[in-house]
Amino acid sequence: MELKELLMFMTKKGASDLHLKPMRPPLLRIQGRLIPIKSKPLKPPEVEDMLFSILTPSQKEIFDANQSVDLGYGVPGIARFRCNVYLQRGTVAGVFRRVPFEIMNVQELNLPDVLENLCEYPSGLVLITGPTGSGKSTTLAAIIKRISQTRPCHIVTIEDPIEFLFSDDKATLSQREVGTDTPKFREALKNSMRQDPDVIMVGEMRDLETISTVITAAETGHLVFSTVHTNSAAQTIDRIIDSFPPDQQPQVRSQLALVLKCIGSMRLVERHDGKGRAPAMEILFNSPKISKHIEVGEIKEIHEEIENSVAFFKMQTMNQSLIALLANGVITYEEALEVSSEPDDLSLKLRKLFPSIEEKFREGAMAPSPADFSEITELVEIKRLYGEAETVHQEKMSEKDQTIAQLRSDLATVEARIDEAQGGSDSAQQAIEQAQAETARLRDESAAKINALNERIKELNQQIQGGSDGGGGGKQSSGFFKR
C-alpha cells in the first residue's frame, strides 16, 4: 500500500483527514467521524517508510530534533495536504488534512454574507477561531480570495505549512512557509513590514511572540487576519490577554480594544440530509460597547452584547446561528443541542421563537443565508411590524368609517335645510307676486283718481270762467281759478 494511493482514495471518498498509525488500518475522517479503511493493519516499518519518503532533509532534521514536523504535500491533479508527522509510543505516525485546490467563496460555504464586509477594512485585526477541523482555514482562504479579486493591494501570508495556493488577481500575493521560506512566524512578521504589505495573513497565533507581533502589525495600519484555537469570541479575547504577563495586560486590553475588528468562532454541524456538514458561526464586531468591555476587562458582558446587537451590527452568538440553521431546516434539533455549549439557553430561545418547534422546522427555508441569525431576527421584526401596521390600519379604517358616517349625517342635515329653504323660497315668491299685483292695482286706482280729479278741476275752471263773462262790465275776478 502506497501513500499516494491512500491520499487518492481519501480524496475520492471526500474525507477531510487521513490518520496513519501502526497496528491499525488507515483511518478516514468523513463528516466528522473516523472510519477505518477495510485493509490490514499497518506495521511500524510501513508507516515509517510512507512518511519519511515525503520529508526533505531539513524536515527530517526538524523531526529528529522535535519529534514532530509540519509540512505541506501535494499530489498533482488531486489535492494538497497539510501533514503532521510525529512520534507516539516510540513509533512514527502521521495525519494528513486535505486542502482542495479550488477555493470556495463565502456564499458557497454557506457562511453569513456579512463576512464579506471584512474584506473592505483598511486596517485592524480579524480573527477566525474554533476547534481543530472547524473550517477556520477554509473560511480565511475564502476571505483572502475575495480581497485578491476586489482590491489592488499586496497580500502577504505566513503559514506553517502553506495550505491553499492563491493566484494573483487584482492583488499580488506572497506566500511564505515557516521552515522553508522563513525560520519563524515572528521573524516573518517582522520582515513583512519591509515588504510593503496591505494585508497580512498569519496562519495561527500560537505563542506570545506571534500574538504580540500580530497586534503590533494591526496597530501600524495593516489589515491582519489570523486564527486561534478557541470556542467563542469572549474566550478568544481572554486567551489573548492571558497570554501576556499580568503587568502588561492593561496595555494589551487597550491595544486590543483599538485594533480588533471582528472575531468569527466556527463549528461544523452535520446536516440532516447527510450531505456533509454546515458551518455555525458566532460573530463579534468591535462596536463601541464591545470596545469598552474589552478595555475595562468586562469580558463576561461581551456575550450578552453580541446577543443584543443582531439587528444593527449583524452580530450573533453561536446559539443564534444554530437557531438560524434549525429554522432553515439544515440541521436537526438534536444536532443543535449536541453542538451547543449552552443547550438549555438554546432550548429556551427556540421555545420563545417557535412555540411549535417541530412544525416550524418542517416548513422549509426562511432566509437566504442559512447560518445568519440576523435574517431570522429580521423576519421576527417584520412580523411584529406587520402586526403593528395591521392594528394601526384597522384603527384608521374605523376612524374613516366614523368620519364617513358623520359626513353622511351632516349631508342629510344640509339637504333637509336646503329643502326647507327651497319651500320658504316658493312662499316668498308667491308673496312677492301678490304684492306686485296689489301694487299694480293701487297704482292703476291712483292714476284713475288723479285723472278724474284733473277732469273735475277743468270743469270747475270752465264754470268759473263762464260765469264771469255772462255778468258784462263787472269787475274781473281774481284768484287761483282765474286761469
Protein backbone atom coordinates (compact mmCIF):
# COMPACT_ATOMS: atom_id res chain seq x y z
CA MET A 1 0.00 0.00 0.00
CA GLU A 2 1.47 3.34 -1.09
CA LEU A 3 0.85 6.75 0.43
CA LYS A 4 -0.23 8.25 -2.91
CA GLU A 5 -2.93 5.59 -3.31
CA LEU A 6 -4.25 6.31 0.19
CA LEU A 7 -4.37 10.04 -0.49
CA MET A 8 -6.21 9.49 -3.78
CA PHE A 9 -8.69 7.17 -2.08
CA MET A 10 -9.16 9.72 0.70
CA THR A 11 -9.94 12.43 -1.87
CA LYS A 12 -12.34 10.15 -3.73
CA LYS A 13 -14.28 9.45 -0.52
CA GLY A 14 -14.44 13.15 0.36
CA ALA A 15 -12.63 12.64 3.66
CA SER A 16 -11.14 15.63 5.42
CA ASP A 17 -8.32 13.74 7.21
CA LEU A 18 -6.23 10.59 6.89
CA HIS A 19 -4.69 9.03 10.01
CA LEU A 20 -1.75 6.65 9.69
CA LYS A 21 -0.84 4.77 12.84
CA PRO A 22 0.99 1.47 13.38
CA MET A 23 -1.09 -1.61 14.21
CA ARG A 24 -4.32 -0.11 12.83
CA PRO A 25 -5.75 0.20 9.34
CA PRO A 26 -5.65 3.74 7.90
CA LEU A 27 -8.48 5.91 9.27
CA LEU A 28 -10.53 8.44 7.29
CA ARG A 29 -12.49 11.28 8.87
CA ILE A 30 -15.73 11.56 6.90
CA GLN A 31 -18.34 14.09 8.05
CA GLY A 32 -16.64 14.36 11.41
CA ARG A 33 -16.36 10.61 12.11
CA LEU A 34 -13.23 8.44 11.95
CA ILE A 35 -13.85 5.36 9.82
CA PRO A 36 -11.22 2.63 9.28
CA ILE A 37 -10.39 1.51 5.75
CA LYS A 38 -11.06 -2.16 5.06
CA SER A 39 -7.44 -3.29 4.92
CA LYS A 40 -4.82 -4.95 7.04
CA PRO A 41 -3.33 -3.05 9.99
CA LEU A 42 -0.20 -1.09 9.12
CA LYS A 43 3.10 -2.26 10.55
CA PRO A 44 5.51 0.27 12.07
CA PRO A 45 8.08 -0.02 9.26
CA GLU A 46 5.35 0.52 6.63
CA VAL A 47 4.17 3.74 8.29
CA GLU A 48 7.73 4.95 8.75
CA ASP A 49 8.62 4.31 5.09
CA MET A 50 5.46 6.10 3.88
CA LEU A 51 6.03 9.20 5.98
CA PHE A 52 9.80 9.54 5.78
CA SER A 53 9.61 9.27 1.98
CA ILE A 54 7.96 12.70 1.73
CA LEU A 55 10.28 14.53 4.17
CA THR A 56 13.06 16.72 2.88
CA PRO A 57 16.45 16.54 4.65
CA SER A 58 15.71 19.76 6.55
CA GLN A 59 12.29 18.46 7.61
CA LYS A 60 13.92 15.19 8.75
CA GLU A 61 16.30 17.23 10.89
CA ILE A 62 13.38 19.11 12.47
CA PHE A 63 11.63 15.81 13.15
CA ASP A 64 14.72 14.35 14.80
CA ALA A 65 15.08 17.46 16.96
CA ASN A 66 11.42 17.99 17.92
CA GLN A 67 9.87 14.52 17.42
CA SER A 68 7.31 16.13 15.10
CA VAL A 69 7.22 18.23 11.97
CA ASP A 70 4.60 20.10 9.94
CA LEU A 71 4.73 20.10 6.17
CA GLY A 72 2.71 20.63 3.05
CA TYR A 73 2.43 17.88 0.46
CA GLY A 74 0.71 17.90 -2.90
CA VAL A 75 -0.46 15.18 -5.26
CA PRO A 76 -0.67 16.67 -8.78
CA GLY A 77 -4.21 16.78 -10.07
CA ILE A 78 -5.65 15.52 -6.76
CA ALA A 79 -5.22 17.94 -3.86
CA ARG A 80 -2.79 19.48 -1.42
CA PHE A 81 -2.39 18.11 2.07
CA ARG A 82 -1.28 19.58 5.37
CA CYS A 83 0.64 16.90 7.21
CA ASN A 84 1.99 16.42 10.69
CA VAL A 85 4.46 13.59 11.29
CA TYR A 86 5.01 12.75 14.94
CA LEU A 87 6.13 10.08 17.36
CA GLN A 88 3.70 8.17 19.57
CA ARG A 89 4.75 5.38 21.88
CA GLY A 90 8.11 5.34 20.14
CA THR A 91 6.68 4.77 16.65
CA VAL A 92 6.11 7.15 13.75
CA ALA A 93 2.56 8.27 12.95
CA GLY A 94 1.06 10.93 10.75
CA VAL A 95 -2.12 12.85 9.96
CA PHE A 96 -2.97 14.39 6.57
CA ARG A 97 -5.53 17.19 6.22
CA ARG A 98 -6.92 17.56 2.69
CA VAL A 99 -6.75 21.07 1.24
CA PRO A 100 -8.70 21.40 -2.03
CA PHE A 101 -7.10 23.19 -4.96
CA GLU A 102 -10.29 25.16 -5.56
CA ILE A 103 -11.05 27.89 -3.03
CA MET A 104 -14.79 28.40 -2.44
CA ASN A 105 -16.33 31.78 -1.69
CA VAL A 106 -18.44 32.85 1.30
CA GLN A 107 -21.75 32.01 -0.37
CA GLU A 108 -20.60 28.55 -1.47
CA LEU A 109 -19.52 27.82 2.10
CA ASN A 110 -22.97 28.90 3.41
CA LEU A 111 -21.37 31.48 5.68
CA PRO A 112 -23.13 34.74 6.71
CA ASP A 113 -22.85 37.33 3.94
CA VAL A 114 -21.67 39.95 6.44
CA LEU A 115 -18.22 38.28 6.42
CA GLU A 116 -17.59 39.83 3.00
CA ASN A 117 -17.53 43.22 4.74
CA LEU A 118 -14.26 42.13 6.38
CA CYS A 119 -12.57 42.45 3.01
CA GLU A 120 -13.21 46.20 2.95
CA TYR A 121 -11.44 47.13 6.20
CA PRO A 122 -8.30 49.21 5.57
CA SER A 123 -6.64 48.07 8.80
CA GLY A 124 -7.24 46.19 12.03
CA LEU A 125 -7.28 42.63 13.34
CA VAL A 126 -9.70 39.91 12.23
CA LEU A 127 -9.63 36.50 13.94
CA ILE A 128 -11.27 33.26 12.84
CA THR A 129 -11.45 30.79 15.73
CA GLY A 130 -12.70 27.32 16.52
CA PRO A 131 -11.54 23.81 17.36
CA THR A 132 -9.47 21.70 15.00
CA GLY A 133 -11.31 20.84 11.80
CA SER A 134 -13.98 23.52 12.17
CA GLY A 135 -13.26 25.24 8.85
CA LYS A 136 -11.05 28.12 10.03
CA SER A 137 -8.51 27.85 7.23
CA THR A 138 -11.18 27.37 4.57
CA THR A 139 -13.06 30.46 5.76
CA LEU A 140 -9.87 32.51 5.91
CA ALA A 141 -8.97 31.37 2.39
CA ALA A 142 -12.38 32.49 1.09
CA ILE A 143 -11.85 35.96 2.59
CA ILE A 144 -8.30 36.28 1.21
CA LYS A 145 -9.53 35.18 -2.23
CA ARG A 146 -12.25 37.83 -2.10
CA ILE A 147 -9.70 40.52 -1.23
CA SER A 148 -7.42 39.42 -4.08
CA GLN A 149 -10.34 39.69 -6.52
CA THR A 150 -11.53 43.13 -5.40
CA ARG A 151 -8.55 45.16 -4.12
CA PRO A 152 -5.33 46.16 -5.89
CA CYS A 153 -3.05 45.52 -2.94
CA HIS A 154 -0.19 43.35 -1.66
CA ILE A 155 -1.17 40.36 0.47
CA VAL A 156 1.48 38.52 2.50
CA THR A 157 0.62 35.15 4.04
CA ILE A 158 2.73 33.43 6.68
CA GLU A 159 1.76 29.79 7.13
CA ASP A 160 3.06 26.59 8.68
CA PRO A 161 2.72 24.91 6.29
CA ILE A 162 1.20 26.59 3.21
CA GLU A 163 -2.26 25.14 2.68
CA PHE A 164 -4.31 26.86 -0.02
CA LEU A 165 -2.43 28.08 -3.07
CA PHE A 166 -3.54 31.57 -4.07
CA SER A 167 -3.09 33.07 -7.51
CA ASP A 168 -2.66 36.76 -8.28
CA ASP A 169 -5.73 38.66 -9.40
CA LYS A 170 -6.21 42.36 -8.71
CA ALA A 171 -3.94 41.83 -5.73
CA THR A 172 -0.47 40.34 -5.72
CA LEU A 173 0.19 37.61 -3.13
CA SER A 174 3.36 36.47 -1.40
CA GLN A 175 3.03 33.15 0.45
CA ARG A 176 5.78 32.31 2.93
CA GLU A 177 6.10 28.94 4.62
CA VAL A 178 7.64 28.65 8.07
CA GLY A 179 10.61 26.31 7.93
CA THR A 180 11.04 26.72 4.18
CA ASP A 181 10.81 30.43 3.35
CA THR A 182 11.27 31.80 6.86
CA PRO A 183 12.52 30.33 10.15
CA LYS A 184 9.73 31.54 12.46
CA PHE A 185 6.39 33.34 12.48
CA ARG A 186 7.82 36.28 14.40
CA GLU A 187 10.73 36.67 12.03
CA ALA A 188 8.44 36.53 9.00
CA LEU A 189 6.09 39.12 10.55
CA LYS A 190 8.96 41.49 11.29
CA ASN A 191 10.28 41.11 7.75
CA SER A 192 6.83 41.54 6.21
CA MET A 193 6.76 45.15 7.44
CA ARG A 194 9.51 45.90 4.92
CA GLN A 195 7.66 44.20 2.07
CA ASP A 196 5.04 46.97 1.58
CA PRO A 197 2.07 44.81 2.65
CA ASP A 198 -1.54 45.98 2.76
CA VAL A 199 -2.95 42.71 4.11
CA ILE A 200 -1.15 40.15 6.26
CA MET A 201 -2.46 36.66 6.96
CA VAL A 202 -0.85 34.68 9.78
CA GLY A 203 -1.80 31.00 9.75
CA GLU A 204 -2.10 30.70 13.52
CA MET A 205 -1.36 32.76 16.64
CA ARG A 206 0.43 30.07 18.60
CA ASP A 207 2.62 31.85 21.13
CA LEU A 208 3.16 35.15 22.91
CA GLU A 209 5.70 36.44 20.40
CA THR A 210 3.39 35.83 17.46
CA ILE A 211 0.38 37.34 19.24
CA SER A 212 2.36 40.43 20.23
CA THR A 213 3.70 40.94 16.70
CA VAL A 214 0.25 40.44 15.14
CA ILE A 215 -1.26 43.14 17.39
CA THR A 216 1.64 45.46 16.58
CA ALA A 217 1.17 44.87 12.84
CA ALA A 218 -2.52 45.73 13.15
CA GLU A 219 -1.60 48.90 15.07
CA THR A 220 0.72 50.06 12.29
CA GLY A 221 -2.13 50.37 9.79
CA HIS A 222 -2.25 46.89 8.23
CA LEU A 223 -5.24 44.58 7.90
CA VAL A 224 -4.21 41.38 9.68
CA PHE A 225 -6.02 38.02 9.61
CA SER A 226 -5.21 35.04 11.80
CA THR A 227 -6.70 32.00 13.55
CA VAL A 228 -6.90 30.91 17.19
CA HIS A 229 -7.96 27.56 18.70
CA THR A 230 -10.80 28.82 20.91
CA ASN A 231 -14.54 28.10 21.10
CA SER A 232 -16.06 31.59 21.40
CA ALA A 233 -15.32 35.26 20.86
CA ALA A 234 -15.13 36.04 24.59
CA GLN A 235 -12.80 33.08 25.15
CA THR A 236 -10.58 34.33 22.32
CA ILE A 237 -10.19 37.73 23.95
CA ASP A 238 -9.43 36.08 27.29
CA ARG A 239 -6.85 33.80 25.66
CA ILE A 240 -5.03 36.70 24.02
CA ILE A 241 -4.96 38.84 27.16
CA ASP A 242 -3.96 35.94 29.43
CA SER A 243 -1.01 35.16 27.15
CA PHE A 244 0.72 38.29 28.43
CA PRO A 245 2.27 38.85 31.87
CA PRO A 246 -0.12 40.47 34.39
CA ASP A 247 1.69 43.83 34.33
CA GLN A 248 1.22 44.07 30.54
CA GLN A 249 -2.44 43.04 30.41
CA PRO A 250 -3.99 46.53 30.88
CA GLN A 251 -1.95 47.81 27.94
CA VAL A 252 -2.90 44.78 25.84
CA ARG A 253 -6.60 45.33 26.59
CA SER A 254 -6.29 48.92 25.38
CA GLN A 255 -4.45 47.80 22.22
CA LEU A 256 -6.96 45.04 21.50
CA ALA A 257 -9.93 47.36 22.07
CA LEU A 258 -8.42 49.68 19.48
CA VAL A 259 -7.30 47.29 16.71
CA LEU A 260 -9.81 44.42 16.90
CA LYS A 261 -12.38 44.47 14.09
CA CYS A 262 -14.06 41.07 14.17
CA ILE A 263 -13.93 37.60 15.71
CA GLY A 264 -15.70 34.72 13.99
CA SER A 265 -15.93 31.50 16.02
CA MET A 266 -16.86 28.40 14.00
CA ARG A 267 -18.19 24.91 14.41
CA LEU A 268 -19.30 22.37 11.84
CA VAL A 269 -22.63 20.60 12.36
CA GLU A 270 -23.77 17.52 10.47
CA ARG A 271 -26.57 18.29 8.02
CA HIS A 272 -29.87 16.48 8.46
CA ASP A 273 -29.78 15.29 4.81
CA GLY A 274 -26.37 13.65 5.26
CA LYS A 275 -24.72 15.87 2.64
CA GLY A 276 -21.71 16.97 4.62
CA ARG A 277 -21.61 19.49 7.44
CA ALA A 278 -22.89 23.04 7.79
CA PRO A 279 -20.99 25.89 9.48
CA ALA A 280 -22.41 27.54 12.57
CA MET A 281 -20.68 30.82 13.37
CA GLU A 282 -20.57 33.23 16.27
CA ILE A 283 -19.74 36.74 15.02
CA LEU A 284 -18.42 39.64 17.08
CA PHE A 285 -17.82 43.10 15.64
CA ASN A 286 -15.95 45.65 17.70
CA SER A 287 -18.78 48.07 18.42
CA PRO A 288 -18.25 50.95 20.88
CA LYS A 289 -19.77 48.90 23.74
CA ILE A 290 -17.66 45.83 22.92
CA SER A 291 -14.54 48.01 22.80
CA LYS A 292 -15.39 49.45 26.22
CA HIS A 293 -15.96 45.98 27.70
CA ILE A 294 -12.55 44.83 26.39
CA GLU A 295 -10.76 47.90 27.68
CA VAL A 296 -12.11 47.63 31.24
CA GLY A 297 -11.89 43.84 31.34
CA GLU A 298 -15.65 43.10 31.36
CA ILE A 299 -15.26 40.02 29.20
CA LYS A 300 -18.33 38.27 30.66
CA GLU A 301 -20.53 41.11 29.37
CA ILE A 302 -19.48 40.54 25.76
CA HIS A 303 -21.75 37.53 25.16
CA GLU A 304 -24.88 39.46 26.12
CA GLU A 305 -23.83 42.43 23.99
CA ILE A 306 -23.36 40.14 20.95
CA GLU A 307 -26.82 38.69 21.55
CA ASN A 308 -28.40 42.15 21.66
CA SER A 309 -26.57 43.53 18.61
CA VAL A 310 -28.03 41.30 15.90
CA ALA A 311 -30.26 43.86 14.18
CA PHE A 312 -27.84 46.80 13.90
CA PHE A 313 -24.31 45.33 13.88
CA LYS A 314 -25.24 41.89 12.43
CA MET A 315 -23.55 40.09 15.34
CA GLN A 316 -24.78 36.70 16.50
CA THR A 317 -23.98 34.16 19.19
CA MET A 318 -23.35 30.52 18.46
CA ASN A 319 -26.83 29.59 19.73
CA GLN A 320 -28.41 32.19 17.45
CA SER A 321 -26.51 30.75 14.48
CA LEU A 322 -27.71 27.26 15.39
CA ILE A 323 -31.29 28.58 15.57
CA ALA A 324 -30.87 30.00 12.07
CA LEU A 325 -29.70 26.63 10.78
CA LEU A 326 -32.61 24.92 12.52
CA ALA A 327 -35.17 27.37 11.18
CA ASN A 328 -33.87 26.78 7.65
CA GLY A 329 -34.12 23.01 8.00
CA VAL A 330 -30.37 22.49 7.58
CA ILE A 331 -29.66 20.63 10.84
CA THR A 332 -31.72 18.68 13.34
CA TYR A 333 -32.82 19.76 16.79
CA GLU A 334 -30.73 17.00 18.38
CA GLU A 335 -27.57 18.02 16.50
CA ALA A 336 -28.03 21.64 17.57
CA LEU A 337 -28.33 20.69 21.24
CA GLU A 338 -25.30 18.40 20.95
CA VAL A 339 -23.09 21.10 19.42
CA SER A 340 -24.26 23.99 21.60
CA SER A 341 -22.14 24.87 24.62
CA GLU A 342 -25.33 26.20 26.27
CA PRO A 343 -28.09 23.75 25.31
CA ASP A 344 -30.54 24.98 27.97
CA ASP A 345 -30.27 28.53 26.68
CA LEU A 346 -30.72 27.26 23.12
CA SER A 347 -33.84 25.32 24.08
CA LEU A 348 -35.34 28.35 25.83
CA LYS A 349 -34.72 30.63 22.86
CA LEU A 350 -36.24 28.10 20.48
CA ARG A 351 -39.42 27.83 22.55
CA LYS A 352 -39.74 31.61 22.62
CA LEU A 353 -39.25 31.99 18.87
CA PHE A 354 -41.07 28.87 17.72
CA PRO A 355 -43.67 27.55 20.17
CA SER A 356 -44.47 24.68 17.77
CA ILE A 357 -40.85 23.88 17.16
CA GLU A 358 -41.18 20.63 15.20
CA GLU A 359 -43.75 22.05 12.77
CA LYS A 360 -41.69 25.14 12.20
CA PHE A 361 -38.63 23.12 11.27
CA ARG A 362 -40.60 21.19 8.65
CA GLU A 363 -41.83 24.33 6.93
CA GLY A 364 -38.64 24.88 4.92
CA ALA A 365 -36.23 27.68 4.30
CA MET A 366 -36.86 31.15 5.67
CA ALA A 367 -33.69 33.12 4.91
CA PRO A 368 -31.13 33.42 2.09
CA SER A 369 -28.15 32.58 4.31
CA PRO A 370 -28.89 29.51 6.46
CA ALA A 371 -26.23 30.37 9.04
CA ASP A 372 -27.25 34.00 9.52
CA PHE A 373 -29.40 34.59 12.64
CA SER A 374 -29.92 38.25 11.68
CA GLU A 375 -32.18 37.04 8.87
CA ILE A 376 -34.39 35.28 11.45
CA THR A 377 -34.42 38.37 13.62
CA GLU A 378 -35.44 40.47 10.66
CA LEU A 379 -38.31 38.09 9.91
CA VAL A 380 -39.50 38.23 13.52
CA GLU A 381 -39.20 42.01 13.46
CA ILE A 382 -41.09 42.16 10.16
CA LYS A 383 -43.85 40.01 11.68
CA ARG A 384 -44.06 42.31 14.68
CA LEU A 385 -44.11 45.42 12.50
CA TYR A 386 -46.74 43.83 10.27
CA GLY A 387 -48.92 43.16 13.30
CA GLU A 388 -48.49 46.73 14.48
CA ALA A 389 -49.21 48.05 10.98
CA GLU A 390 -52.32 45.87 10.79
CA THR A 391 -53.56 47.26 14.12
CA VAL A 392 -52.89 50.83 13.01
CA HIS A 393 -54.63 50.09 9.71
CA GLN A 394 -57.70 48.75 11.50
CA GLU A 395 -57.81 51.79 13.76
CA LYS A 396 -57.52 54.13 10.79
CA MET A 397 -60.24 52.22 8.94
CA SER A 398 -62.51 52.51 12.00
CA GLU A 399 -61.81 56.24 12.19
CA LYS A 400 -62.56 56.60 8.50
CA ASP A 401 -65.85 54.68 8.91
CA GLN A 402 -66.85 57.02 11.73
CA THR A 403 -65.88 60.04 9.64
CA ILE A 404 -67.89 58.76 6.68
CA ALA A 405 -70.96 58.18 8.91
CA GLN A 406 -70.63 61.69 10.36
CA LEU A 407 -70.27 63.19 6.89
CA ARG A 408 -73.34 61.32 5.71
CA SER A 409 -75.31 62.63 8.71
CA ASP A 410 -74.14 66.18 8.04
CA LEU A 411 -75.06 65.83 4.38
CA ALA A 412 -78.57 64.69 5.27
CA THR A 413 -78.97 67.71 7.59
CA VAL A 414 -77.80 70.09 4.89
CA GLU A 415 -80.12 68.52 2.33
CA ALA A 416 -83.07 68.92 4.75
CA ARG A 417 -82.15 72.54 5.29
CA ILE A 418 -81.93 73.06 1.55
CA ASP A 419 -85.36 71.52 1.09
CA GLU A 420 -86.75 73.71 3.86
CA ALA A 421 -85.14 76.75 2.37
CA GLN A 422 -86.49 75.80 -1.04
CA GLY A 423 -90.06 75.61 0.40
CA GLY A 424 -89.69 79.04 2.06
CA SER A 425 -88.41 80.47 -1.19
CA ASP A 426 -91.55 79.35 -3.01
CA SER A 427 -93.80 81.05 -0.37
CA ALA A 428 -91.78 84.24 -0.58
CA GLN A 429 -92.04 84.19 -4.35
CA GLN A 430 -95.84 83.90 -4.11
CA ALA A 431 -95.98 86.78 -1.58
CA ILE A 432 -93.81 88.90 -3.86
CA GLU A 433 -96.06 88.22 -6.80
CA GLN A 434 -99.14 89.08 -4.72
CA ALA A 435 -97.52 92.30 -3.51
CA GLN A 436 -96.57 93.23 -7.06
CA ALA A 437 -100.16 92.63 -8.25
CA GLU A 438 -101.54 94.72 -5.36
CA THR A 439 -99.08 97.49 -6.11
CA ALA A 440 -100.10 97.50 -9.77
CA ARG A 441 -103.80 97.65 -8.77
CA LEU A 442 -103.20 100.52 -6.36
CA ARG A 443 -101.15 102.33 -8.98
CA ASP A 444 -103.95 101.96 -11.52
CA GLU A 445 -106.55 103.16 -8.99
CA SER A 446 -104.42 106.14 -8.06
CA ALA A 447 -103.92 107.05 -11.71
CA ALA A 448 -107.67 106.83 -12.35
CA LYS A 449 -108.48 109.08 -9.32
CA ILE A 450 -105.89 111.61 -10.41
CA ASN A 451 -107.29 111.69 -13.91
CA ALA A 452 -110.84 112.09 -12.53
CA LEU A 453 -109.69 114.90 -10.26
CA ASN A 454 -107.98 116.68 -13.13
CA GLU A 455 -111.15 116.46 -15.17
CA ARG A 456 -113.16 117.88 -12.27
CA ILE A 457 -110.75 120.77 -11.94
CA LYS A 458 -111.08 121.54 -15.61
CA GLU A 459 -114.85 121.54 -15.30
CA LEU A 460 -114.76 123.91 -12.35
CA ASN A 461 -112.40 126.23 -14.17
CA GLN A 462 -114.69 126.31 -17.13
CA GLN A 463 -117.71 127.05 -14.95
CA ILE A 464 -115.93 129.86 -13.21
CA GLN A 465 -114.81 131.42 -16.46
CA GLY A 466 -118.28 131.11 -17.96
CA GLY A 467 -119.92 132.91 -15.00
CA SER A 468 -117.58 135.88 -15.28
CA ASP A 469 -118.27 136.53 -18.99
CA GLY A 470 -122.10 136.48 -18.56
CA GLY A 471 -122.09 139.36 -15.97
CA GLY A 472 -120.95 142.11 -18.54
CA GLY A 473 -118.95 145.18 -17.47
CA GLY A 474 -118.33 143.74 -13.95
CA LYS A 475 -115.03 143.63 -12.28
CA GLN A 476 -112.90 140.73 -13.42
CA SER A 477 -112.44 138.03 -10.76
CA SER A 478 -109.05 137.21 -9.41
CA GLY A 479 -107.67 134.19 -7.60
CA PHE A 480 -106.39 130.67 -8.22
CA PHE A 481 -109.20 129.69 -10.62
CA LYS A 482 -108.75 132.85 -12.72
CA ARG A 483 -106.69 130.87 -15.15
